[in-house]
């Protein structure tokens, strides 16, 4: 089959690799109809996260149809239209049972093979899915595949971020970063009852889209975001800040925006070894800090069921489409954010 593989820093290749096969009786094989390049893929691309074997098939966002199942798969059948979260999940361990599916004791992250062990990713024509019954989510084919695809990662991550922020109708909330996850944070904050949501970015096209989704936009290159939030809250600051970037600068800004006793909800992928603010800072402001990988599988069925109630045009988020063979160009475009790129998707069987 054809796939995108990692070959070192900033080196993504389109090549032929072995077709995946059933290894364990709980496996399924999915034919990938649509996959995506995620902002977190760029950490690997730039080797801010290290250890990935050269030759690893990249990607953790994909949707498609099942073409093979193992003998122990009971809830799925060949032909089912499915979407996957970005990690596999057993559904029965302590963490799965409490809704923290991203920390499943048997879970694996797609697109991470290190020292020969791990799971190849979904930027390919086919992908092996371990623990298929409790990982994959069937969805109604009437739901656009683009919405299903987004549900497996950025939609669920944004919803998780908003849930962690303890949204209240009377509160004032700020989203830091209006990339794909940040935009999903805005949508989710309003779904959970927020009435006042501010959104901060530096790119005009992302700021405009945040405004389209109902947020009050702030261009950080033109105005003082902290001063604006202080003015809006009688000098207190935001009740909750949703950080969706994953940089020290974003975390420091989130802290500065937060009122004493507020909640900082961070889902940006952080690769630095220490916080931009100190334990003293956190103590002196009585903040609640909630962060980490989103348990996407925990939210997916609910979000897919509600997809007709929360209408958002996926074409506004998915700004660029490529054939899988153009994957290297997709990575470069997302990395540079040229041409107003917000989210890039790949079609594995297009020429």
C-alpha atoms as a PDB file:
ATOM      1  CA  UNK A   1       0.000   0.000   0.000  1.00  0.00           C
ATOM      2  CA  UNK A   2       0.967   3.665  -0.238  1.00  0.00           C
ATOM      3  CA  UNK A   3       1.721   5.630   2.935  1.00  0.00           C
ATOM      4  CA  UNK A   4       3.521   8.651   4.352  1.00  0.00           C
ATOM      5  CA  UNK A   5       6.530   7.676   6.420  1.00  0.00           C
ATOM      6  CA  UNK A   6       8.895   9.523   8.739  1.00  0.00           C
ATOM      7  CA  UNK A   7      12.489   9.637   7.509  1.00  0.00           C
ATOM      8  CA  UNK A   8      14.066  12.126   9.891  1.00  0.00           C
ATOM      9  CA  UNK A   9      13.743  15.780  10.759  1.00  0.00           C
ATOM     10  CA  UNK A  10      11.391  17.559   8.350  1.00  0.00           C
ATOM     11  CA  UNK A  11      11.493  14.553   6.015  1.00  0.00           C
ATOM     12  CA  UNK A  12       8.175  12.931   5.103  1.00  0.00           C
ATOM     13  CA  UNK A  13       8.130  10.481   2.191  1.00  0.00           C
ATOM     14  CA  UNK A  14       5.344   8.987   0.111  1.00  0.00           C
ATOM     15  CA  UNK A  15       6.254   5.388  -0.537  1.00  0.00           C
ATOM     16  CA  UNK A  16       5.102   1.782  -0.721  1.00  0.00           C
ATOM     17  CA  UNK A  17       5.010  -0.181   2.540  1.00  0.00           C
ATOM     18  CA  UNK A  18       3.657  -3.598   3.496  1.00  0.00           C
ATOM     19  CA  UNK A  19      -0.113  -3.859   3.809  1.00  0.00           C
ATOM     20  CA  UNK A  20      -1.244  -4.213   7.428  1.00  0.00           C
ATOM     21  CA  UNK A  21      -2.668  -7.579   8.448  1.00  0.00           C
ATOM     22  CA  UNK A  22      -4.615  -9.041  11.350  1.00  0.00           C
ATOM     23  CA  UNK A  23      -2.108  -9.828  14.123  1.00  0.00           C
ATOM     24  CA  UNK A  24      -4.396 -10.282  17.119  1.00  0.00           C
ATOM     25  CA  UNK A  25      -7.953 -11.619  17.033  1.00  0.00           C
ATOM     26  CA  UNK A  26      -9.262  -8.275  18.329  1.00  0.00           C
ATOM     27  CA  UNK A  27      -7.784  -6.361  15.353  1.00  0.00           C
ATOM     28  CA  UNK A  28      -9.549  -4.769  12.414  1.00  0.00           C
ATOM     29  CA  UNK A  29      -8.187  -3.386   9.159  1.00  0.00           C
ATOM     30  CA  UNK A  30      -9.632  -0.067   8.009  1.00  0.00           C
ATOM     31  CA  UNK A  31      -9.461   1.247   4.462  1.00  0.00           C
ATOM     32  CA  UNK A  32      -8.738   4.933   4.957  1.00  0.00           C
ATOM     33  CA  UNK A  33     -11.055   7.195   3.003  1.00  0.00           C
ATOM     34  CA  UNK A  34      -9.823  10.413   4.596  1.00  0.00           C
ATOM     35  CA  UNK A  35      -6.990  11.271   6.958  1.00  0.00           C
ATOM     36  CA  UNK A  36      -5.464  14.495   8.233  1.00  0.00           C
ATOM     37  CA  UNK A  37      -2.258  16.211   9.230  1.00  0.00           C
ATOM     38  CA  UNK A  38      -2.456  17.384  12.844  1.00  0.00           C
ATOM     39  CA  UNK A  39      -0.574  20.213  14.502  1.00  0.00           C
ATOM     40  CA  UNK A  40       0.857  17.657  16.917  1.00  0.00           C
ATOM     41  CA  UNK A  41       2.382  15.796  13.939  1.00  0.00           C
ATOM     42  CA  UNK A  42       4.636  18.824  13.569  1.00  0.00           C
ATOM     43  CA  UNK A  43       6.311  18.060  16.905  1.00  0.00           C
ATOM     44  CA  UNK A  44       7.544  14.811  15.379  1.00  0.00           C
ATOM     45  CA  UNK A  45       8.238  16.501  12.046  1.00  0.00           C
ATOM     46  CA  UNK A  46      10.584  18.988  13.756  1.00  0.00           C
ATOM     47  CA  UNK A  47      11.835  16.368  16.231  1.00  0.00           C
ATOM     48  CA  UNK A  48      10.670  18.342  19.238  1.00  0.00           C
ATOM     49  CA  UNK A  49       9.475  14.871  20.217  1.00  0.00           C
ATOM     50  CA  UNK A  50      12.206  12.321  19.559  1.00  0.00           C
ATOM     51  CA  UNK A  51      12.525   8.557  19.433  1.00  0.00           C
ATOM     52  CA  UNK A  52      10.387   7.741  16.405  1.00  0.00           C
ATOM     53  CA  UNK A  53      11.844   5.069  14.137  1.00  0.00           C
ATOM     54  CA  UNK A  54      12.553   6.045  10.549  1.00  0.00           C
ATOM     55  CA  UNK A  55      10.011   4.286   8.367  1.00  0.00           C
ATOM     56  CA  UNK A  56       7.102   4.792  10.782  1.00  0.00           C
ATOM     57  CA  UNK A  57       3.805   5.463   9.026  1.00  0.00           C
ATOM     58  CA  UNK A  58       2.653   8.870  10.233  1.00  0.00           C
ATOM     59  CA  UNK A  59      -0.707  10.208  11.372  1.00  0.00           C
ATOM     60  CA  UNK A  60      -3.415   9.580  13.950  1.00  0.00           C
ATOM     61  CA  UNK A  61      -6.575  11.048  12.378  1.00  0.00           C
ATOM     62  CA  UNK A  62      -8.474   8.821   9.963  1.00  0.00           C
ATOM     63  CA  UNK A  63     -11.916   7.599   8.973  1.00  0.00           C
ATOM     64  CA  UNK A  64     -12.948   4.900   6.550  1.00  0.00           C
ATOM     65  CA  UNK A  65     -14.551   1.473   6.223  1.00  0.00           C
ATOM     66  CA  UNK A  66     -13.656  -1.890   7.689  1.00  0.00           C
ATOM     67  CA  UNK A  67     -12.245  -4.436   5.236  1.00  0.00           C
ATOM     68  CA  UNK A  68     -11.128  -7.202   7.621  1.00  0.00           C
ATOM     69  CA  UNK A  69     -11.779  -8.220  11.234  1.00  0.00           C
ATOM     70  CA  UNK A  70     -10.207 -10.648  13.680  1.00  0.00           C
ATOM     71  CA  UNK A  71     -12.050 -13.661  15.046  1.00  0.00           C
ATOM     72  CA  UNK A  72     -12.785 -11.995  18.407  1.00  0.00           C
ATOM     73  CA  UNK A  73     -14.318  -8.811  16.993  1.00  0.00           C
ATOM     74  CA  UNK A  74     -18.015  -8.857  17.904  1.00  0.00           C
ATOM     75  CA  UNK A  75     -19.398  -5.329  17.566  1.00  0.00           C
ATOM     76  CA  UNK A  76     -18.116  -4.479  14.109  1.00  0.00           C
ATOM     77  CA  UNK A  77     -18.435  -6.014  10.674  1.00  0.00           C
ATOM     78  CA  UNK A  78     -16.837  -5.630   7.280  1.00  0.00           C
ATOM     79  CA  UNK A  79     -18.255  -2.587   5.517  1.00  0.00           C
ATOM     80  CA  UNK A  80     -18.963  -0.542   8.652  1.00  0.00           C
ATOM     81  CA  UNK A  81     -18.163   3.139   8.322  1.00  0.00           C
ATOM     82  CA  UNK A  82     -15.885   4.009  11.245  1.00  0.00           C
ATOM     83  CA  UNK A  83     -13.728   6.715  12.741  1.00  0.00           C
ATOM     84  CA  UNK A  84     -10.939   6.220  15.239  1.00  0.00           C
ATOM     85  CA  UNK A  85      -9.681   8.291  18.147  1.00  0.00           C
ATOM     86  CA  UNK A  86      -5.970   8.959  18.055  1.00  0.00           C
ATOM     87  CA  UNK A  87      -5.229   6.226  20.626  1.00  0.00           C
ATOM     88  CA  UNK A  88      -6.510   2.678  20.939  1.00  0.00           C
ATOM     89  CA  UNK A  89      -8.581   1.786  23.994  1.00  0.00           C
ATOM     90  CA  UNK A  90      -9.470  -1.480  25.744  1.00  0.00           C
ATOM     91  CA  UNK A  91     -12.687  -0.180  27.318  1.00  0.00           C
ATOM     92  CA  UNK A  92     -12.271  -2.275  30.478  1.00  0.00           C
ATOM     93  CA  UNK A  93      -9.246  -1.014  32.422  1.00  0.00           C
ATOM     94  CA  UNK A  94      -9.532   1.424  35.330  1.00  0.00           C
ATOM     95  CA  UNK A  95      -8.735   4.442  33.164  1.00  0.00           C
ATOM     96  CA  UNK A  96     -11.188   3.554  30.398  1.00  0.00           C
ATOM     97  CA  UNK A  97     -13.924   3.024  32.980  1.00  0.00           C
ATOM     98  CA  UNK A  98     -13.412   6.478  34.505  1.00  0.00           C
ATOM     99  CA  UNK A  99     -13.396   8.138  31.084  1.00  0.00           C
ATOM    100  CA  UNK A 100      -9.637   8.702  30.815  1.00  0.00           C
ATOM    101  CA  UNK A 101      -9.366   6.568  27.703  1.00  0.00           C
ATOM    102  CA  UNK A 102      -6.197   8.325  26.563  1.00  0.00           C
ATOM    103  CA  UNK A 103      -4.368   6.587  29.448  1.00  0.00           C
ATOM    104  CA  UNK A 104      -5.688   3.100  28.745  1.00  0.00           C
ATOM    105  CA  UNK A 105      -3.253   0.534  30.117  1.00  0.00           C
ATOM    106  CA  UNK A 106      -3.275  -1.255  26.746  1.00  0.00           C
ATOM    107  CA  UNK A 107      -3.617   1.877  24.616  1.00  0.00           C
ATOM    108  CA  UNK A 108      -1.268   2.847  21.812  1.00  0.00           C
ATOM    109  CA  UNK A 109      -0.848   6.087  19.903  1.00  0.00           C
ATOM    110  CA  UNK A 110      -1.139   5.744  16.145  1.00  0.00           C
ATOM    111  CA  UNK A 111       1.964   6.787  14.250  1.00  0.00           C
ATOM    112  CA  UNK A 112       4.463   6.011  16.982  1.00  0.00           C
ATOM    113  CA  UNK A 113       6.934   3.149  16.518  1.00  0.00           C
ATOM    114  CA  UNK A 114      10.060   3.301  18.663  1.00  0.00           C
ATOM    115  CA  UNK A 115      12.809   0.675  18.641  1.00  0.00           C
ATOM    116  CA  UNK A 116      10.579  -1.536  16.559  1.00  0.00           C
ATOM    117  CA  UNK A 117       7.623  -1.447  18.950  1.00  0.00           C
ATOM    118  CA  UNK A 118       4.429   0.524  18.521  1.00  0.00           C
ATOM    119  CA  UNK A 119       1.639   1.194  16.087  1.00  0.00           C
ATOM    120  CA  UNK A 120       1.837   2.557  12.557  1.00  0.00           C
ATOM    121  CA  UNK A 121      -0.353   5.506  11.711  1.00  0.00           C
ATOM    122  CA  UNK A 122      -3.286   6.409   9.533  1.00  0.00           C
ATOM    123  CA  UNK A 123      -1.725   8.542   6.782  1.00  0.00           C
ATOM    124  CA  UNK A 124      -1.945   5.511   4.566  1.00  0.00           C
ATOM    125  CA  UNK A 125      -4.353   3.542   2.425  1.00  0.00           C
ATOM    126  CA  UNK A 126      -4.954   0.980   5.173  1.00  0.00           C
ATOM    127  CA  UNK A 127      -4.359   0.841   8.920  1.00  0.00           C
ATOM    128  CA  UNK A 128      -4.441  -1.911  11.521  1.00  0.00           C
ATOM    129  CA  UNK A 129      -6.611  -1.074  14.537  1.00  0.00           C
ATOM    130  CA  UNK A 130      -5.962  -3.108  17.700  1.00  0.00           C
ATOM    131  CA  UNK A 131      -8.798  -3.487  20.239  1.00  0.00           C
ATOM    132  CA  UNK A 132     -11.155  -2.632  17.413  1.00  0.00           C
ATOM    133  CA  UNK A 133     -14.479  -3.156  19.225  1.00  0.00           C
ATOM    134  CA  UNK A 134     -13.663  -0.577  21.902  1.00  0.00           C
ATOM    135  CA  UNK A 135     -11.531   1.770  19.794  1.00  0.00           C
ATOM    136  CA  UNK A 136     -13.459   2.338  16.578  1.00  0.00           C
ATOM    137  CA  UNK A 137     -16.749   4.239  16.513  1.00  0.00           C
ATOM    138  CA  UNK A 138     -19.357   3.427  13.892  1.00  0.00           C
ATOM    139  CA  UNK A 139     -21.134   6.431  12.504  1.00  0.00           C
ATOM    140  CA  UNK A 140     -24.131   7.044  10.303  1.00  0.00           C
ATOM    141  CA  UNK A 141     -22.968   7.437   6.685  1.00  0.00           C
ATOM    142  CA  UNK A 142     -25.304  10.432   6.418  1.00  0.00           C
ATOM    143  CA  UNK A 143     -22.819  12.328   8.611  1.00  0.00           C
ATOM    144  CA  UNK A 144     -20.151  13.916   6.377  1.00  0.00           C
ATOM    145  CA  UNK A 145     -16.880  12.040   6.687  1.00  0.00           C
ATOM    146  CA  UNK A 146     -15.132  15.345   7.398  1.00  0.00           C
ATOM    147  CA  UNK A 147     -17.167  15.845  10.584  1.00  0.00           C
ATOM    148  CA  UNK A 148     -16.515  12.257  11.638  1.00  0.00           C
ATOM    149  CA  UNK A 149     -12.790  12.716  11.013  1.00  0.00           C
ATOM    150  CA  UNK A 150     -12.635  15.887  13.126  1.00  0.00           C
ATOM    151  CA  UNK A 151     -14.485  14.120  15.950  1.00  0.00           C
ATOM    152  CA  UNK A 152     -11.629  11.637  16.382  1.00  0.00           C
ATOM    153  CA  UNK A 153      -9.205  14.321  17.523  1.00  0.00           C
ATOM    154  CA  UNK A 154      -9.667  18.072  17.358  1.00  0.00           C
ATOM    155  CA  UNK A 155     -13.408  18.138  18.019  1.00  0.00           C
ATOM    156  CA  UNK A 156     -13.064  15.853  21.043  1.00  0.00           C
ATOM    157  CA  UNK A 157      -9.947  17.688  22.240  1.00  0.00           C
ATOM    158  CA  UNK A 158     -11.674  21.061  22.090  1.00  0.00           C
ATOM    159  CA  UNK A 159     -14.674  19.667  23.947  1.00  0.00           C
ATOM    160  CA  UNK A 160     -12.405  18.178  26.611  1.00  0.00           C
ATOM    161  CA  UNK A 161     -10.599  21.478  27.025  1.00  0.00           C
ATOM    162  CA  UNK A 162     -13.878  23.318  27.540  1.00  0.00           C
ATOM    163  CA  UNK A 163     -15.133  20.656  29.949  1.00  0.00           C
ATOM    164  CA  UNK A 164     -11.976  21.029  32.050  1.00  0.00           C
ATOM    165  CA  UNK A 165     -12.502  24.799  32.229  1.00  0.00           C
ATOM    166  CA  UNK A 166     -15.652  24.391  34.359  1.00  0.00           C
ATOM    167  CA  UNK A 167     -17.797  26.534  32.062  1.00  0.00           C
ATOM    168  CA  UNK A 168     -20.555  28.541  33.784  1.00  0.00           C
ATOM    169  CA  UNK A 169     -23.075  30.809  32.024  1.00  0.00           C
ATOM    170  CA  UNK A 170     -21.974  33.810  34.106  1.00  0.00           C
ATOM    171  CA  UNK A 171     -18.266  33.279  33.506  1.00  0.00           C
ATOM    172  CA  UNK A 172     -15.829  34.972  31.153  1.00  0.00           C
ATOM    173  CA  UNK A 173     -13.589  32.644  29.130  1.00  0.00           C
ATOM    174  CA  UNK A 174     -10.638  33.048  26.814  1.00  0.00           C
ATOM    175  CA  UNK A 175      -9.304  30.695  24.147  1.00  0.00           C
ATOM    176  CA  UNK A 176      -5.582  31.142  23.466  1.00  0.00           C
ATOM    177  CA  UNK A 177      -4.807  30.021  19.925  1.00  0.00           C
ATOM    178  CA  UNK A 178      -7.360  29.816  17.111  1.00  0.00           C
ATOM    179  CA  UNK A 179      -5.958  26.895  15.188  1.00  0.00           C
ATOM    180  CA  UNK A 180      -8.164  23.828  14.626  1.00  0.00           C
ATOM    181  CA  UNK A 181      -8.285  22.824  18.302  1.00  0.00           C
ATOM    182  CA  UNK A 182      -8.798  26.384  19.505  1.00  0.00           C
ATOM    183  CA  UNK A 183     -11.727  26.835  17.136  1.00  0.00           C
ATOM    184  CA  UNK A 184     -13.246  23.618  18.480  1.00  0.00           C
ATOM    185  CA  UNK A 185     -12.724  24.996  22.001  1.00  0.00           C
ATOM    186  CA  UNK A 186     -14.830  28.022  21.067  1.00  0.00           C
ATOM    187  CA  UNK A 187     -17.634  25.862  19.699  1.00  0.00           C
ATOM    188  CA  UNK A 188     -17.532  23.606  22.766  1.00  0.00           C
ATOM    189  CA  UNK A 189     -17.496  26.495  25.244  1.00  0.00           C
ATOM    190  CA  UNK A 190     -20.738  27.813  23.779  1.00  0.00           C
ATOM    191  CA  UNK A 191     -22.198  24.284  23.716  1.00  0.00           C
ATOM    192  CA  UNK A 192     -21.491  24.007  27.440  1.00  0.00           C
ATOM    193  CA  UNK A 193     -23.282  27.257  28.201  1.00  0.00           C
ATOM    194  CA  UNK A 194     -20.689  30.022  28.006  1.00  0.00           C
ATOM    195  CA  UNK A 195     -22.049  33.468  27.172  1.00  0.00           C
ATOM    196  CA  UNK A 196     -18.765  35.399  26.934  1.00  0.00           C
ATOM    197  CA  UNK A 197     -15.850  33.871  25.042  1.00  0.00           C
ATOM    198  CA  UNK A 198     -12.800  35.809  23.868  1.00  0.00           C
ATOM    199  CA  UNK A 199     -10.355  34.344  21.359  1.00  0.00           C
ATOM    200  CA  UNK A 200      -6.708  35.323  20.874  1.00  0.00           C
ATOM    201  CA  UNK A 201      -4.481  34.750  17.867  1.00  0.00           C
ATOM    202  CA  UNK A 202      -2.116  36.661  15.591  1.00  0.00           C
ATOM    203  CA  UNK A 203      -3.327  35.475  12.175  1.00  0.00           C
ATOM    204  CA  UNK A 204      -6.225  37.497  10.704  1.00  0.00           C
ATOM    205  CA  UNK A 205      -7.907  34.550   8.968  1.00  0.00           C
ATOM    206  CA  UNK A 206      -8.032  32.578  12.236  1.00  0.00           C
ATOM    207  CA  UNK A 207      -9.247  35.587  14.199  1.00  0.00           C
ATOM    208  CA  UNK A 208     -12.020  36.124  11.650  1.00  0.00           C
ATOM    209  CA  UNK A 209     -13.088  32.498  11.925  1.00  0.00           C
ATOM    210  CA  UNK A 210     -13.150  32.730  15.726  1.00  0.00           C
ATOM    211  CA  UNK A 211     -15.478  35.716  15.347  1.00  0.00           C
ATOM    212  CA  UNK A 212     -17.638  33.713  12.939  1.00  0.00           C
ATOM    213  CA  UNK A 213     -18.111  31.103  15.674  1.00  0.00           C
ATOM    214  CA  UNK A 214     -19.268  33.759  18.152  1.00  0.00           C
ATOM    215  CA  UNK A 215     -16.127  34.676  20.067  1.00  0.00           C
ATOM    216  CA  UNK A 216     -14.927  38.215  20.701  1.00  0.00           C
ATOM    217  CA  UNK A 217     -11.654  38.317  18.740  1.00  0.00           C
ATOM    218  CA  UNK A 218      -8.365  39.743  20.008  1.00  0.00           C
ATOM    219  CA  UNK A 219      -5.361  40.197  17.723  1.00  0.00           C
ATOM    220  CA  UNK A 220      -2.391  39.811  20.066  1.00  0.00           C
ATOM    221  CA  UNK A 221      -0.126  41.750  17.714  1.00  0.00           C
ATOM    222  CA  UNK A 222      -2.331  44.833  17.826  1.00  0.00           C
ATOM    223  CA  UNK A 223      -3.821  45.008  21.310  1.00  0.00           C
ATOM    224  CA  UNK A 224      -3.058  44.122  24.928  1.00  0.00           C
ATOM    225  CA  UNK A 225      -5.158  41.013  25.572  1.00  0.00           C
ATOM    226  CA  UNK A 226      -4.632  41.115  29.333  1.00  0.00           C
ATOM    227  CA  UNK A 227      -5.779  44.735  29.519  1.00  0.00           C
ATOM    228  CA  UNK A 228      -8.900  43.916  27.489  1.00  0.00           C
ATOM    229  CA  UNK A 229      -9.837  41.072  29.830  1.00  0.00           C
ATOM    230  CA  UNK A 230      -9.150  43.181  32.914  1.00  0.00           C
ATOM    231  CA  UNK A 231     -11.440  45.899  31.535  1.00  0.00           C
ATOM    232  CA  UNK A 232     -14.153  43.337  30.813  1.00  0.00           C
ATOM    233  CA  UNK A 233     -14.061  41.824  34.318  1.00  0.00           C
ATOM    234  CA  UNK A 234     -13.670  44.802  36.679  1.00  0.00           C
ATOM    235  CA  UNK A 235      -9.958  44.133  36.911  1.00  0.00           C
ATOM    236  CA  UNK A 236     -10.193  40.440  37.843  1.00  0.00           C
ATOM    237  CA  UNK A 237      -9.275  38.530  34.698  1.00  0.00           C
ATOM    238  CA  UNK A 238     -10.884  35.513  33.032  1.00  0.00           C
ATOM    239  CA  UNK A 239     -12.680  32.805  34.992  1.00  0.00           C
ATOM    240  CA  UNK A 240     -11.178  30.216  32.702  1.00  0.00           C
ATOM    241  CA  UNK A 241      -8.537  30.142  29.980  1.00  0.00           C
ATOM    242  CA  UNK A 242      -8.441  27.412  27.334  1.00  0.00           C
ATOM    243  CA  UNK A 243      -4.882  27.043  26.013  1.00  0.00           C
ATOM    244  CA  UNK A 244      -4.656  25.292  22.642  1.00  0.00           C
ATOM    245  CA  UNK A 245      -1.155  26.119  21.390  1.00  0.00           C
ATOM    246  CA  UNK A 246       1.403  24.177  23.419  1.00  0.00           C
ATOM    247  CA  UNK A 247       4.119  26.822  23.760  1.00  0.00           C
ATOM    248  CA  UNK A 248       5.654  28.534  26.814  1.00  0.00           C
ATOM    249  CA  UNK A 249       4.468  31.898  25.491  1.00  0.00           C
ATOM    250  CA  UNK A 250       0.882  30.654  25.252  1.00  0.00           C
ATOM    251  CA  UNK A 251       0.980  29.231  28.768  1.00  0.00           C
ATOM    252  CA  UNK A 252       2.399  32.462  30.197  1.00  0.00           C
ATOM    253  CA  UNK A 253      -0.290  34.476  28.453  1.00  0.00           C
ATOM    254  CA  UNK A 254      -2.957  32.078  29.739  1.00  0.00           C
ATOM    255  CA  UNK A 255      -1.673  32.528  33.284  1.00  0.00           C
ATOM    256  CA  UNK A 256      -1.600  36.313  32.914  1.00  0.00           C
ATOM    257  CA  UNK A 257      -5.193  36.344  31.639  1.00  0.00           C
ATOM    258  CA  UNK A 258      -6.530  34.260  34.520  1.00  0.00           C
ATOM    259  CA  UNK A 259      -8.190  35.728  37.600  1.00  0.00           C
ATOM    260  CA  UNK A 260      -7.216  34.528  41.089  1.00  0.00           C
ATOM    261  CA  UNK A 261      -8.961  31.222  41.668  1.00  0.00           C
ATOM    262  CA  UNK A 262      -9.547  30.669  37.957  1.00  0.00           C
ATOM    263  CA  UNK A 263      -8.996  27.520  35.905  1.00  0.00           C
ATOM    264  CA  UNK A 264      -6.318  27.095  33.256  1.00  0.00           C
ATOM    265  CA  UNK A 265      -7.283  24.255  30.917  1.00  0.00           C
ATOM    266  CA  UNK A 266      -4.423  23.308  28.619  1.00  0.00           C
ATOM    267  CA  UNK A 267      -4.615  20.798  25.755  1.00  0.00           C
ATOM    268  CA  UNK A 268      -1.753  22.158  23.669  1.00  0.00           C
ATOM    269  CA  UNK A 269       1.024  19.568  23.267  1.00  0.00           C
ATOM    270  CA  UNK A 270       3.915  20.844  25.378  1.00  0.00           C
ATOM    271  CA  UNK A 271       7.469  19.666  24.731  1.00  0.00           C
ATOM    272  CA  UNK A 272       9.461  21.930  27.074  1.00  0.00           C
ATOM    273  CA  UNK A 273      10.837  20.660  30.381  1.00  0.00           C
ATOM    274  CA  UNK A 274       9.377  23.347  32.645  1.00  0.00           C
ATOM    275  CA  UNK A 275       6.506  25.776  32.931  1.00  0.00           C
ATOM    276  CA  UNK A 276       6.754  29.386  31.888  1.00  0.00           C
ATOM    277  CA  UNK A 277       5.273  30.405  35.260  1.00  0.00           C
ATOM    278  CA  UNK A 278       6.587  29.213  38.591  1.00  0.00           C
ATOM    279  CA  UNK A 279       5.006  27.233  41.456  1.00  0.00           C
ATOM    280  CA  UNK A 280       5.088  30.493  43.407  1.00  0.00           C
ATOM    281  CA  UNK A 281       3.057  32.192  40.685  1.00  0.00           C
ATOM    282  CA  UNK A 282       0.505  29.383  40.701  1.00  0.00           C
ATOM    283  CA  UNK A 283       0.295  29.424  44.508  1.00  0.00           C
ATOM    284  CA  UNK A 284      -0.049  33.172  44.745  1.00  0.00           C
ATOM    285  CA  UNK A 285      -2.964  33.150  42.299  1.00  0.00           C
ATOM    286  CA  UNK A 286      -4.726  30.026  43.647  1.00  0.00           C
ATOM    287  CA  UNK A 287      -5.094  28.685  40.134  1.00  0.00           C
ATOM    288  CA  UNK A 288      -6.477  25.320  39.100  1.00  0.00           C
ATOM    289  CA  UNK A 289      -4.360  23.802  36.322  1.00  0.00           C
ATOM    290  CA  UNK A 290      -5.804  20.972  34.252  1.00  0.00           C
ATOM    291  CA  UNK A 291      -3.858  19.697  31.283  1.00  0.00           C
ATOM    292  CA  UNK A 292      -2.851  16.745  29.180  1.00  0.00           C
ATOM    293  CA  UNK A 293      -3.930  14.502  26.346  1.00  0.00           C
ATOM    294  CA  UNK A 294      -7.671  14.443  25.660  1.00  0.00           C
ATOM    295  CA  UNK A 295      -9.599  11.178  26.161  1.00  0.00           C
ATOM    296  CA  UNK A 296     -11.107  11.454  22.690  1.00  0.00           C
ATOM    297  CA  UNK A 297     -12.832   8.056  22.678  1.00  0.00           C
ATOM    298  CA  UNK A 298     -14.770   9.031  25.817  1.00  0.00           C
ATOM    299  CA  UNK A 299     -16.483  11.896  23.976  1.00  0.00           C
ATOM    300  CA  UNK A 300     -16.794  10.658  20.416  1.00  0.00           C
ATOM    301  CA  UNK A 301     -20.142   8.876  20.458  1.00  0.00           C
ATOM    302  CA  UNK A 302     -21.798  11.814  22.200  1.00  0.00           C
ATOM    303  CA  UNK A 303     -20.308  14.285  19.750  1.00  0.00           C
ATOM    304  CA  UNK A 304     -21.281  12.216  16.719  1.00  0.00           C
ATOM    305  CA  UNK A 305     -24.823  11.867  18.083  1.00  0.00           C
ATOM    306  CA  UNK A 306     -24.987  15.649  18.516  1.00  0.00           C
ATOM    307  CA  UNK A 307     -23.443  16.441  15.153  1.00  0.00           C
ATOM    308  CA  UNK A 308     -26.752  17.498  13.633  1.00  0.00           C
ATOM    309  CA  UNK A 309     -27.455  19.788  16.589  1.00  0.00           C
ATOM    310  CA  UNK A 310     -24.109  21.569  16.556  1.00  0.00           C
ATOM    311  CA  UNK A 311     -23.771  22.657  12.975  1.00  0.00           C
ATOM    312  CA  UNK A 312     -20.396  23.905  11.807  1.00  0.00           C
ATOM    313  CA  UNK A 313     -19.185  23.883   8.263  1.00  0.00           C
ATOM    314  CA  UNK A 314     -16.133  21.588   8.152  1.00  0.00           C
ATOM    315  CA  UNK A 315     -14.957  23.363   5.001  1.00  0.00           C
ATOM    316  CA  UNK A 316     -14.164  26.420   7.128  1.00  0.00           C
ATOM    317  CA  UNK A 317     -11.787  24.324   9.256  1.00  0.00           C
ATOM    318  CA  UNK A 318     -10.503  22.086   6.452  1.00  0.00           C
ATOM    319  CA  UNK A 319      -8.949  24.707   4.240  1.00  0.00           C
ATOM    320  CA  UNK A 320      -6.755  22.470   2.095  1.00  0.00           C
ATOM    321  CA  UNK A 321      -7.113  19.044   0.495  1.00  0.00           C
ATOM    322  CA  UNK A 322      -4.349  16.907  -0.942  1.00  0.00           C
ATOM    323  CA  UNK A 323      -3.865  13.492  -2.427  1.00  0.00           C
ATOM    324  CA  UNK A 324      -1.760  11.306  -0.137  1.00  0.00           C
ATOM    325  CA  UNK A 325       1.065  11.545  -2.668  1.00  0.00           C
ATOM    326  CA  UNK A 326       1.251  15.273  -1.889  1.00  0.00           C
ATOM    327  CA  UNK A 327       1.661  14.637   1.831  1.00  0.00           C
ATOM    328  CA  UNK A 328       5.065  16.304   2.149  1.00  0.00           C
ATOM    329  CA  UNK A 329       3.599  19.496   0.695  1.00  0.00           C
ATOM    330  CA  UNK A 330       0.700  19.271   3.145  1.00  0.00           C
ATOM    331  CA  UNK A 331       3.134  19.110   6.068  1.00  0.00           C
ATOM    332  CA  UNK A 332       5.066  22.107   4.769  1.00  0.00           C
ATOM    333  CA  UNK A 333       1.935  24.160   4.230  1.00  0.00           C
ATOM    334  CA  UNK A 334       0.542  23.422   7.689  1.00  0.00           C
ATOM    335  CA  UNK A 335       3.916  24.166   9.234  1.00  0.00           C
ATOM    336  CA  UNK A 336       4.279  27.564   7.551  1.00  0.00           C
ATOM    337  CA  UNK A 337       0.546  28.417   7.769  1.00  0.00           C
ATOM    338  CA  UNK A 338       0.765  29.848   4.277  1.00  0.00           C
ATOM    339  CA  UNK A 339      -2.329  30.325   2.100  1.00  0.00           C
ATOM    340  CA  UNK A 340      -4.428  30.656   5.266  1.00  0.00           C
ATOM    341  CA  UNK A 341      -3.981  26.959   6.043  1.00  0.00           C
ATOM    342  CA  UNK A 342      -5.881  25.843   9.147  1.00  0.00           C
ATOM    343  CA  UNK A 343      -6.410  22.118   8.581  1.00  0.00           C
ATOM    344  CA  UNK A 344      -5.152  19.883   5.767  1.00  0.00           C
ATOM    345  CA  UNK A 345      -6.690  16.528   4.855  1.00  0.00           C
ATOM    346  CA  UNK A 346      -5.401  13.761   2.629  1.00  0.00           C
ATOM    347  CA  UNK A 347      -7.232  11.371   0.302  1.00  0.00           C
ATOM    348  CA  UNK A 348      -5.263   8.098   0.163  1.00  0.00           C
ATOM    349  CA  UNK A 349      -6.801   6.747  -3.039  1.00  0.00           C
ATOM    350  CA  UNK A 350      -6.772   9.940  -5.115  1.00  0.00           C
ATOM    351  CA  UNK A 351      -4.085  10.469  -7.723  1.00  0.00           C
END
